[in-house]
Amino acid sequence: MKLGCGCSPNGEKLTDIINITKENIKYLPGIKLGHNVVADPDLEHAVEDANMLVFVTPHQFIEGICKRLVGKIKGDVEAINNCMIKGMEVKKGGPCMISSLINKQLGVNYCVLMGANIGDEIAMEKFSEATIGYREDKEVAQRWVQIFGTPYFRVSAVRDIEGVELCGTLKNVVAIAAGFVDGLEMGNNAKAAIMRIGLNEMKAFSKLMFPSVCDNTFLEGCGIADLITTCLGGRNTKVADSFARSGGKRSFHELETELLQGQKLQGVKTTGEVYEVLCQRGWQQSFPLFRTVHVICTGHLPPSSITQQRLDEN
């Protein structure tokens, strides 16, 4: 198994450290990686002769990576975009899901994996679950289930690639709203209300975008379970909490740098992407929570508006 990496906090090549110590000291300190894991800083070399590719990178980098891989991978390769890739690209012609972007750029078959899982807990082999979304080929999906599944990491497959992917994308917008509630110390009742409203908007948005999306997908690990996990302990909630405690005076970029040790905050970018879709389609009034989260993130409303706006419109 090969993976690509960056640099450690002290400037050493993280790939070298991983290969020598079998530990990712930057993102998973104290966790030993399997001996079959080889970190490779050369993207083209890392994918050479691979027949199954797992994309695990913030979604803002996917298009550039795909362009570098054109003509460099085998024609029969299977791809899956993993839990870290949550977002969409909004083009002039409308929104494009990341899985579709990978397919269009590389012409490969693909699935998506999303789930109620926080990385360090999985690394410590605490029980969690995830959902694989596929379009038609159940056999390929089951192959991914076998690859990812362990006694402590339960994986299931559903024939709803757009629903699974949108659950992973949209729950980060709701998680930011939940973080505002935490930072304002509004309590668990308010947080539960935000999560319920958010789940409803996730479902409505997904079904408007793709009428084929299944209702049951929102009851899978990628749906309600992932939403709960992210709102309780995810990075988007954590940073939004600090943003609210500062009264919106500290930027998300500053807080991301301070709190995430090099990891990327995807939720704020996603709020902008979702809002752009709402504006393109004229859906702003139908999604007051999504709209309000974006307006707060851009500094046009204070964090305290997260409940006031919603209540005023009911």
Protein backbone atom coordinates (compact mmCIF):
# COMPACT_ATOMS: atom_id res chain seq x y z
CA MET A 1 0.00 0.00 0.00
CA LYS A 2 1.45 3.35 -1.06
CA LEU A 3 0.53 6.85 0.05
CA GLY A 4 1.75 10.37 -0.64
CA CYS A 5 2.59 12.82 2.17
CA GLY A 6 4.10 16.24 2.90
CA CYS A 7 6.57 17.47 5.52
CA SER A 8 6.76 17.09 9.29
CA PRO A 9 6.50 20.11 11.61
CA ASN A 10 10.31 20.41 11.78
CA GLY A 11 10.74 20.34 8.01
CA GLU A 12 11.85 16.73 7.58
CA LYS A 13 10.19 14.78 4.81
CA LEU A 14 7.21 13.08 6.35
CA THR A 15 7.55 10.24 3.86
CA ASP A 16 11.04 9.45 5.14
CA ILE A 17 9.89 9.51 8.76
CA ILE A 18 6.94 7.22 8.02
CA ASN A 19 9.07 4.72 6.15
CA ILE A 20 11.68 4.61 8.91
CA THR A 21 9.46 4.71 12.01
CA LYS A 22 6.14 3.43 10.59
CA GLU A 23 4.48 6.38 12.30
CA ASN A 24 2.84 9.53 10.93
CA ILE A 25 4.12 11.91 13.58
CA LYS A 26 2.27 14.89 12.11
CA TYR A 27 -1.30 13.60 11.93
CA LEU A 28 -1.35 10.36 13.97
CA PRO A 29 1.44 10.55 16.57
CA GLY A 30 1.80 7.45 18.67
CA ILE A 31 0.00 5.18 16.17
CA LYS A 32 2.05 2.50 14.45
CA LEU A 33 1.25 1.92 10.78
CA GLY A 34 1.28 -1.49 9.11
CA HIS A 35 4.52 -2.73 7.59
CA ASN A 36 2.79 -2.86 4.20
CA VAL A 37 2.37 0.93 4.22
CA VAL A 38 4.98 2.73 2.11
CA ALA A 39 4.95 6.52 1.90
CA ASP A 40 5.92 7.78 -1.56
CA PRO A 41 6.36 11.53 -2.27
CA ASP A 42 6.23 10.93 -6.04
CA LEU A 43 2.57 10.89 -7.07
CA GLU A 44 3.13 9.24 -10.44
CA HIS A 45 5.35 6.54 -8.95
CA ALA A 46 2.88 5.93 -6.12
CA VAL A 47 0.07 5.03 -8.56
CA GLU A 48 2.26 3.05 -10.95
CA ASP A 49 0.74 -0.40 -11.67
CA ALA A 50 -2.03 0.17 -9.11
CA ASN A 51 -5.39 -1.43 -9.88
CA MET A 52 -7.25 0.19 -6.98
CA LEU A 53 -6.80 3.85 -5.99
CA VAL A 54 -7.99 5.53 -2.80
CA PHE A 55 -8.20 9.33 -2.97
CA VAL A 56 -7.70 10.87 0.48
CA THR A 57 -7.03 14.60 0.25
CA PRO A 58 -8.94 17.84 0.86
CA HIS A 59 -11.35 18.32 -2.03
CA GLN A 60 -9.82 21.62 -3.15
CA PHE A 61 -6.73 19.69 -4.36
CA ILE A 62 -8.49 16.90 -6.25
CA GLU A 63 -8.75 18.57 -9.65
CA GLY A 64 -5.02 19.37 -9.73
CA ILE A 65 -4.12 15.82 -8.67
CA CYS A 66 -6.36 14.31 -11.33
CA LYS A 67 -4.75 16.45 -14.03
CA ARG A 68 -1.35 15.11 -13.01
CA LEU A 69 -2.62 11.52 -13.20
CA VAL A 70 -4.10 11.71 -16.70
CA GLY A 71 -2.39 9.04 -18.79
CA LYS A 72 -0.41 7.76 -15.79
CA ILE A 73 -2.80 5.09 -14.46
CA LYS A 74 -3.97 1.70 -15.74
CA GLY A 75 -7.14 1.62 -17.82
CA ASP A 76 -8.91 -0.91 -15.60
CA VAL A 77 -8.22 0.86 -12.29
CA GLU A 78 -11.00 1.17 -9.71
CA ALA A 79 -11.14 4.34 -7.61
CA ILE A 80 -12.81 5.41 -4.40
CA ASN A 81 -12.86 8.82 -2.77
CA ASN A 82 -12.53 8.47 0.96
CA CYS A 83 -14.03 10.17 4.01
CA MET A 84 -11.63 13.11 3.89
CA ILE A 85 -12.93 14.32 0.52
CA LYS A 86 -16.13 16.17 1.29
CA GLY A 87 -17.25 18.97 -0.96
CA MET A 88 -18.16 19.86 -4.50
CA GLU A 89 -16.81 21.97 -7.31
CA VAL A 90 -19.21 24.63 -8.56
CA LYS A 91 -18.68 25.32 -12.25
CA LYS A 92 -20.45 27.72 -14.59
CA GLY A 93 -22.65 24.87 -15.71
CA GLY A 94 -23.58 23.96 -12.14
CA PRO A 95 -22.22 21.83 -9.29
CA CYS A 96 -19.99 18.82 -9.86
CA MET A 97 -19.53 16.16 -7.19
CA ILE A 98 -15.93 15.14 -6.47
CA SER A 99 -16.55 11.54 -7.53
CA SER A 100 -17.90 12.78 -10.88
CA LEU A 101 -14.86 15.04 -11.23
CA ILE A 102 -12.54 12.06 -10.75
CA ASN A 103 -14.53 10.05 -13.27
CA LYS A 104 -14.55 12.82 -15.89
CA GLN A 105 -10.86 13.62 -15.49
CA LEU A 106 -9.56 10.05 -15.41
CA GLY A 107 -12.32 7.94 -16.98
CA VAL A 108 -12.24 5.39 -14.13
CA ASN A 109 -14.97 3.50 -12.32
CA TYR A 110 -15.47 4.88 -8.85
CA CYS A 111 -17.26 4.52 -5.54
CA VAL A 112 -17.41 6.76 -2.49
CA LEU A 113 -16.85 5.96 1.18
CA MET A 114 -18.33 8.17 3.89
CA GLY A 115 -19.09 7.42 7.48
CA ALA A 116 -19.41 8.20 11.10
CA ASN A 117 -15.72 8.05 11.86
CA ILE A 118 -13.09 10.34 13.30
CA GLY A 119 -9.59 9.39 12.21
CA ASP A 120 -7.76 9.08 15.50
CA GLU A 121 -10.49 6.83 16.94
CA ILE A 122 -10.21 4.48 13.97
CA ALA A 123 -6.43 4.47 14.36
CA MET A 124 -6.92 3.37 17.96
CA GLU A 125 -9.20 0.60 16.68
CA LYS A 126 -12.32 1.89 18.39
CA PHE A 127 -15.50 0.59 16.81
CA SER A 128 -17.01 2.66 14.02
CA GLU A 129 -18.86 2.22 10.75
CA ALA A 130 -18.89 3.62 7.24
CA THR A 131 -20.95 3.44 4.06
CA ILE A 132 -19.78 2.79 0.51
CA GLY A 133 -21.93 4.28 -2.22
CA TYR A 134 -21.85 2.72 -5.67
CA ARG A 135 -23.70 3.31 -8.92
CA GLU A 136 -24.21 -0.08 -10.57
CA ASP A 137 -21.40 -2.56 -9.98
CA LYS A 138 -22.18 -4.19 -6.63
CA GLU A 139 -19.30 -6.64 -7.07
CA VAL A 140 -16.75 -3.82 -7.10
CA ALA A 141 -18.44 -2.22 -4.08
CA GLN A 142 -18.21 -5.48 -2.16
CA ARG A 143 -14.52 -5.70 -3.04
CA TRP A 144 -14.04 -2.29 -1.38
CA VAL A 145 -16.08 -3.52 1.61
CA GLN A 146 -13.64 -6.42 2.00
CA ILE A 147 -10.61 -4.14 1.69
CA PHE A 148 -11.77 -1.59 4.25
CA GLY A 149 -13.75 -3.80 6.62
CA THR A 150 -12.28 -4.98 9.91
CA PRO A 151 -13.84 -6.27 13.16
CA TYR A 152 -13.74 -2.70 14.52
CA PHE A 153 -14.54 -0.86 11.25
CA ARG A 154 -17.85 -2.08 9.86
CA VAL A 155 -18.52 -1.17 6.23
CA SER A 156 -21.76 -1.55 4.26
CA ALA A 157 -22.60 -0.74 0.63
CA VAL A 158 -25.65 1.03 -0.80
CA ARG A 159 -26.60 1.77 -4.39
CA ASP A 160 -26.78 5.54 -3.99
CA ILE A 161 -23.47 7.17 -4.82
CA GLU A 162 -24.84 10.74 -4.89
CA GLY A 163 -26.72 10.32 -1.61
CA VAL A 164 -23.70 8.93 0.22
CA GLU A 165 -21.40 11.63 -1.13
CA LEU A 166 -23.80 14.48 -0.39
CA CYS A 167 -24.27 13.26 3.19
CA GLY A 168 -20.52 13.53 3.69
CA THR A 169 -20.45 16.94 2.03
CA LEU A 170 -23.44 18.65 3.63
CA LYS A 171 -22.97 17.45 7.20
CA ASN A 172 -19.92 19.71 7.47
CA VAL A 173 -22.16 22.76 6.96
CA VAL A 174 -24.39 21.57 9.80
CA ALA A 175 -21.31 20.85 11.93
CA ILE A 176 -20.25 24.48 11.64
CA ALA A 177 -23.69 25.54 12.86
CA ALA A 178 -23.34 23.10 15.77
CA GLY A 179 -19.95 24.62 16.57
CA PHE A 180 -21.51 28.08 16.75
CA VAL A 181 -24.02 26.71 19.27
CA ASP A 182 -21.20 25.21 21.35
CA GLY A 183 -19.15 28.41 21.26
CA LEU A 184 -22.13 30.46 22.37
CA GLU A 185 -22.86 27.93 25.16
CA MET A 186 -26.47 27.61 24.05
CA GLY A 187 -26.80 24.06 25.36
CA ASN A 188 -27.69 20.61 24.11
CA ASN A 189 -31.33 21.41 23.30
CA ALA A 190 -30.26 24.05 20.80
CA LYS A 191 -27.61 21.77 19.35
CA ALA A 192 -30.12 18.95 18.89
CA ALA A 193 -32.48 21.36 17.12
CA ILE A 194 -29.74 22.55 14.79
CA MET A 195 -28.83 18.95 13.95
CA ARG A 196 -32.47 18.06 13.22
CA ILE A 197 -33.00 21.12 11.03
CA GLY A 198 -29.68 20.45 9.34
CA LEU A 199 -30.56 16.82 8.56
CA ASN A 200 -33.82 17.95 6.99
CA GLU A 201 -31.99 20.46 4.80
CA MET A 202 -29.36 17.85 3.86
CA LYS A 203 -32.09 15.51 2.70
CA ALA A 204 -34.08 18.18 0.84
CA PHE A 205 -30.98 19.58 -0.91
CA SER A 206 -29.77 16.12 -1.94
CA LYS A 207 -33.12 15.09 -3.41
CA LEU A 208 -33.46 18.36 -5.31
CA MET A 209 -29.99 17.89 -6.76
CA PHE A 210 -30.47 14.18 -7.53
CA PRO A 211 -34.05 12.86 -7.40
CA SER A 212 -32.65 9.30 -7.36
CA VAL A 213 -31.23 9.81 -3.84
CA CYS A 214 -32.76 7.27 -1.44
CA ASP A 215 -34.42 8.28 1.84
CA ASN A 216 -32.83 5.33 3.64
CA THR A 217 -29.33 6.61 2.87
CA PHE A 218 -29.81 9.27 5.55
CA LEU A 219 -30.27 6.50 8.12
CA GLU A 220 -26.96 4.84 7.17
CA GLY A 221 -23.56 5.41 8.77
CA CYS A 222 -22.87 8.11 6.18
CA GLY A 223 -26.08 9.95 7.15
CA ILE A 224 -27.42 10.57 10.64
CA ALA A 225 -24.52 8.74 12.33
CA ASP A 226 -21.85 10.81 10.55
CA LEU A 227 -23.79 13.99 11.28
CA ILE A 228 -23.90 13.18 15.01
CA THR A 229 -20.23 12.25 15.18
CA THR A 230 -19.11 15.36 13.34
CA CYS A 231 -21.28 17.69 15.41
CA LEU A 232 -19.97 16.13 18.63
CA GLY A 233 -16.26 16.01 17.90
CA GLY A 234 -15.27 16.94 14.35
CA ARG A 235 -12.78 19.59 13.29
CA ASN A 236 -15.46 21.82 11.70
CA THR A 237 -17.37 21.96 14.97
CA LYS A 238 -14.17 22.59 16.92
CA VAL A 239 -13.07 25.54 14.79
CA ALA A 240 -16.58 27.01 14.55
CA ASP A 241 -16.77 26.85 18.36
CA SER A 242 -13.65 29.03 18.62
CA PHE A 243 -14.96 31.36 15.91
CA ALA A 244 -18.16 31.93 17.89
CA ARG A 245 -16.25 32.46 21.17
CA SER A 246 -14.28 35.22 19.44
CA GLY A 247 -17.55 36.87 18.40
CA GLY A 248 -16.60 36.24 14.78
CA LYS A 249 -13.55 38.48 15.10
CA ARG A 250 -10.95 35.79 14.38
CA SER A 251 -10.82 34.41 10.86
CA PHE A 252 -11.41 30.77 10.06
CA HIS A 253 -8.03 30.69 8.32
CA GLU A 254 -6.29 31.87 11.50
CA LEU A 255 -8.17 29.35 13.64
CA GLU A 256 -7.52 26.54 11.17
CA THR A 257 -3.78 27.21 11.37
CA GLU A 258 -3.85 27.38 15.16
CA LEU A 259 -6.10 24.41 15.93
CA LEU A 260 -5.68 21.80 13.19
CA GLN A 261 -1.89 21.32 12.99
CA GLY A 262 -1.80 21.39 9.20
CA GLN A 263 -5.09 19.67 8.52
CA LYS A 264 -7.57 21.46 6.29
CA LEU A 265 -10.97 22.79 7.27
CA GLN A 266 -13.36 21.83 4.49
CA GLY A 267 -16.67 22.96 5.95
CA VAL A 268 -16.27 26.71 5.38
CA LYS A 269 -15.39 26.18 1.72
CA THR A 270 -18.36 23.85 1.41
CA THR A 271 -20.74 26.46 2.86
CA GLY A 272 -19.69 28.81 0.06
CA GLU A 273 -20.14 26.11 -2.57
CA VAL A 274 -23.58 25.19 -1.27
CA TYR A 275 -24.62 28.84 -1.10
CA GLU A 276 -23.50 29.33 -4.69
CA VAL A 277 -25.73 26.45 -5.74
CA LEU A 278 -28.64 27.94 -3.77
CA CYS A 279 -28.18 31.23 -5.59
CA GLN A 280 -27.85 29.57 -9.00
CA ARG A 281 -31.06 27.61 -8.48
CA GLY A 282 -33.03 30.26 -6.55
CA TRP A 283 -33.30 28.02 -3.48
CA GLN A 284 -32.10 30.46 -0.80
CA GLN A 285 -35.43 30.74 1.00
CA SER A 286 -35.85 26.97 1.15
CA PHE A 287 -32.59 26.42 3.06
CA PRO A 288 -32.42 29.03 5.84
CA LEU A 289 -29.86 27.13 7.93
CA PHE A 290 -27.44 26.58 5.04
CA ARG A 291 -27.84 30.20 4.01
CA THR A 292 -27.35 31.56 7.52
CA VAL A 293 -24.21 29.49 8.15
CA HIS A 294 -22.64 30.94 5.01
CA VAL A 295 -23.61 34.52 5.88
CA ILE A 296 -22.09 34.11 9.36
CA CYS A 297 -18.92 32.56 7.94
CA THR A 298 -18.48 35.53 5.61
CA GLY A 299 -18.88 38.00 8.49
CA HIS A 300 -22.22 39.51 7.46
CA LEU A 301 -24.05 38.25 10.56
CA PRO A 302 -22.82 37.48 14.10
CA PRO A 303 -22.63 33.83 15.23
CA SER A 304 -25.63 34.41 17.53
CA SER A 305 -27.81 34.65 14.41
CA ILE A 306 -27.61 30.90 13.96
CA THR A 307 -30.86 30.39 15.88
CA GLN A 308 -32.37 33.85 15.57
CA GLN A 309 -32.52 33.70 11.79
CA ARG A 310 -34.17 30.30 11.80
CA LEU A 311 -36.72 31.21 14.47
CA ASP A 312 -37.64 34.45 12.74
CA GLU A 313 -38.49 32.55 9.57
CA ASN A 314 -40.75 29.95 11.21
